Amino acid sequence: MTLVRECPCGSIRSYDTCCGPLHRGEREAGTAAELMRARYSAYAVGVLDFVFRTWHPRTRPAAIEPTPGMTWTGLEILATEDGGPEDESGVVEFRARFAADAGDGMLHERSRFARRARRWVYVDGEIR
């Protein structure tokens, strides 16, 4: 049975047709923005192995652990620079809202992405 629910990335599609196939390894992100949305959704649904796999090996941490008491509640893409199907690098600026035990908050980041072995990966980000 297919689980039909709205994708956490904010698209109008279901998770199973939007970010789910990327999380399951059924396809790769075609753009940096698509990878950004899928990474946000992975945090939101707890698929942290996807976050690890899509982080550039030179900049990723040794492990990624969930933050207890934190729930991601919304994503807004503010701007993109390059990062299209033919590009080798790109930038995605976003705001991600969350609810936490200590109170609600927002992460505003300008993220850099690169294409590595024909796959988009997150390189690093500048918190705004």
Protein backbone atom coordinates (compact mmCIF):
# COMPACT_ATOMS: atom_id res chain seq x y z
CA MET A 1 0.00 0.00 0.00
CA THR A 2 1.33 3.46 -0.91
CA LEU A 3 1.40 6.07 1.80
CA VAL A 4 -0.16 9.23 0.39
CA ARG A 5 0.67 12.35 2.33
CA GLU A 6 1.86 15.79 1.38
CA CYS A 7 5.60 16.02 0.89
CA PRO A 8 7.33 17.97 3.68
CA CYS A 9 9.29 19.99 1.09
CA GLY A 10 6.20 22.08 0.38
CA SER A 11 5.45 20.84 -3.12
CA ILE A 12 1.86 20.04 -3.95
CA ARG A 13 2.81 16.41 -4.61
CA SER A 14 2.67 13.45 -2.28
CA TYR A 15 5.85 12.39 -0.48
CA ASP A 16 5.75 9.08 -2.37
CA THR A 17 5.97 10.84 -5.76
CA CYS A 18 8.14 13.81 -4.75
CA CYS A 19 11.06 13.30 -2.33
CA GLY A 20 10.35 9.66 -1.47
CA PRO A 21 11.90 8.25 -4.68
CA LEU A 22 15.10 10.20 -4.00
CA HIS A 23 15.23 8.96 -0.40
CA ARG A 24 14.73 5.38 -1.59
CA GLY A 25 17.48 5.71 -4.24
CA GLU A 26 15.05 5.21 -7.12
CA ARG A 27 16.34 8.36 -8.84
CA GLU A 28 18.79 11.24 -8.33
CA ALA A 29 17.99 14.92 -7.93
CA GLY A 30 18.13 16.75 -11.25
CA THR A 31 18.94 20.16 -9.76
CA ALA A 32 20.52 21.63 -6.65
CA ALA A 33 17.12 22.99 -5.57
CA GLU A 34 15.54 19.54 -5.89
CA LEU A 35 18.30 18.08 -3.72
CA MET A 36 17.79 20.89 -1.18
CA ARG A 37 14.08 20.04 -0.96
CA ALA A 38 14.83 16.32 -0.62
CA ARG A 39 17.41 16.94 2.12
CA TYR A 40 14.93 19.08 4.05
CA SER A 41 12.29 16.35 3.68
CA ALA A 42 14.81 13.75 4.84
CA TYR A 43 15.36 15.71 8.05
CA ALA A 44 11.58 16.10 8.44
CA VAL A 45 10.80 12.38 8.06
CA GLY A 46 13.96 11.06 9.72
CA VAL A 47 15.79 9.60 6.71
CA LEU A 48 19.17 10.79 7.91
CA ASP A 49 21.13 8.26 5.85
CA PHE A 50 19.97 10.22 2.77
CA VAL A 51 21.32 13.43 4.30
CA PHE A 52 24.66 11.69 4.93
CA ARG A 53 24.83 10.19 1.41
CA THR A 54 24.14 13.55 -0.23
CA TRP A 55 26.74 15.51 1.77
CA HIS A 56 30.11 16.07 0.07
CA PRO A 57 32.63 13.69 1.71
CA ARG A 58 35.15 16.52 2.29
CA THR A 59 32.70 18.55 4.39
CA ARG A 60 30.26 16.11 5.97
CA PRO A 61 30.37 15.24 9.65
CA ALA A 62 31.32 11.76 10.83
CA ALA A 63 27.70 11.09 11.82
CA ILE A 64 24.32 12.78 11.65
CA GLU A 65 22.05 12.38 14.65
CA PRO A 66 18.45 13.52 15.07
CA THR A 67 17.80 16.45 17.38
CA PRO A 68 15.44 15.23 20.11
CA GLY A 69 12.29 17.30 20.45
CA MET A 70 12.70 19.05 17.07
CA THR A 71 10.11 18.88 14.28
CA TRP A 72 10.65 20.55 10.91
CA THR A 73 7.51 22.46 9.96
CA GLY A 74 8.10 24.26 6.67
CA LEU A 75 10.51 25.10 3.88
CA GLU A 76 10.71 28.25 1.77
CA ILE A 77 13.19 28.49 -1.12
CA LEU A 78 14.21 32.15 -1.37
CA ALA A 79 16.65 32.11 -4.30
CA THR A 80 18.71 29.85 -6.52
CA GLU A 81 21.86 30.54 -8.52
CA ASP A 82 22.85 28.04 -11.18
CA GLY A 83 22.41 24.46 -9.99
CA GLY A 84 20.46 23.37 -13.07
CA PRO A 85 20.69 20.09 -14.96
CA GLU A 86 23.73 21.23 -16.97
CA ASP A 87 25.58 23.10 -14.18
CA GLU A 88 28.46 21.82 -12.05
CA SER A 89 27.66 23.96 -9.01
CA GLY A 90 24.78 25.91 -7.55
CA VAL A 91 23.52 27.89 -4.59
CA VAL A 92 20.14 27.62 -2.87
CA GLU A 93 19.04 30.11 -0.24
CA PHE A 94 16.24 28.91 2.01
CA ARG A 95 14.39 29.32 5.27
CA ALA A 96 13.39 26.20 7.20
CA ARG A 97 11.01 26.51 10.13
CA PHE A 98 10.98 24.16 13.10
CA ALA A 99 9.26 23.53 16.40
CA ALA A 100 11.43 22.48 19.32
CA ASP A 101 11.12 21.91 23.04
CA ALA A 102 12.89 25.24 23.58
CA GLY A 103 10.49 27.03 21.20
CA ASP A 104 9.86 27.59 17.52
CA GLY A 105 12.64 28.79 15.28
CA MET A 106 13.94 29.24 11.78
CA LEU A 107 17.14 28.29 9.96
CA HIS A 108 18.08 30.72 7.17
CA GLU A 109 20.95 29.38 5.07
CA ARG A 110 22.65 29.98 1.77
CA SER A 111 23.76 26.49 0.74
CA ARG A 112 26.38 25.54 -1.82
CA PHE A 113 26.00 22.42 -3.94
CA ALA A 114 28.30 20.68 -6.41
CA ARG A 115 27.90 17.92 -8.94
CA ARG A 116 30.12 14.96 -8.05
CA ALA A 117 30.16 11.82 -10.21
CA ARG A 118 27.05 13.21 -12.01
CA ARG A 119 25.16 13.54 -8.68
CA TRP A 120 24.29 16.69 -6.78
CA VAL A 121 25.77 16.90 -3.28
CA TYR A 122 25.56 19.49 -0.50
CA VAL A 123 28.95 21.13 0.11
CA ASP A 124 28.36 23.66 2.90
CA GLY A 125 26.22 26.58 3.91
CA GLU A 126 26.37 30.06 5.31
CA ILE A 127 23.88 30.72 8.10
CA ARG A 128 22.15 34.06 7.68
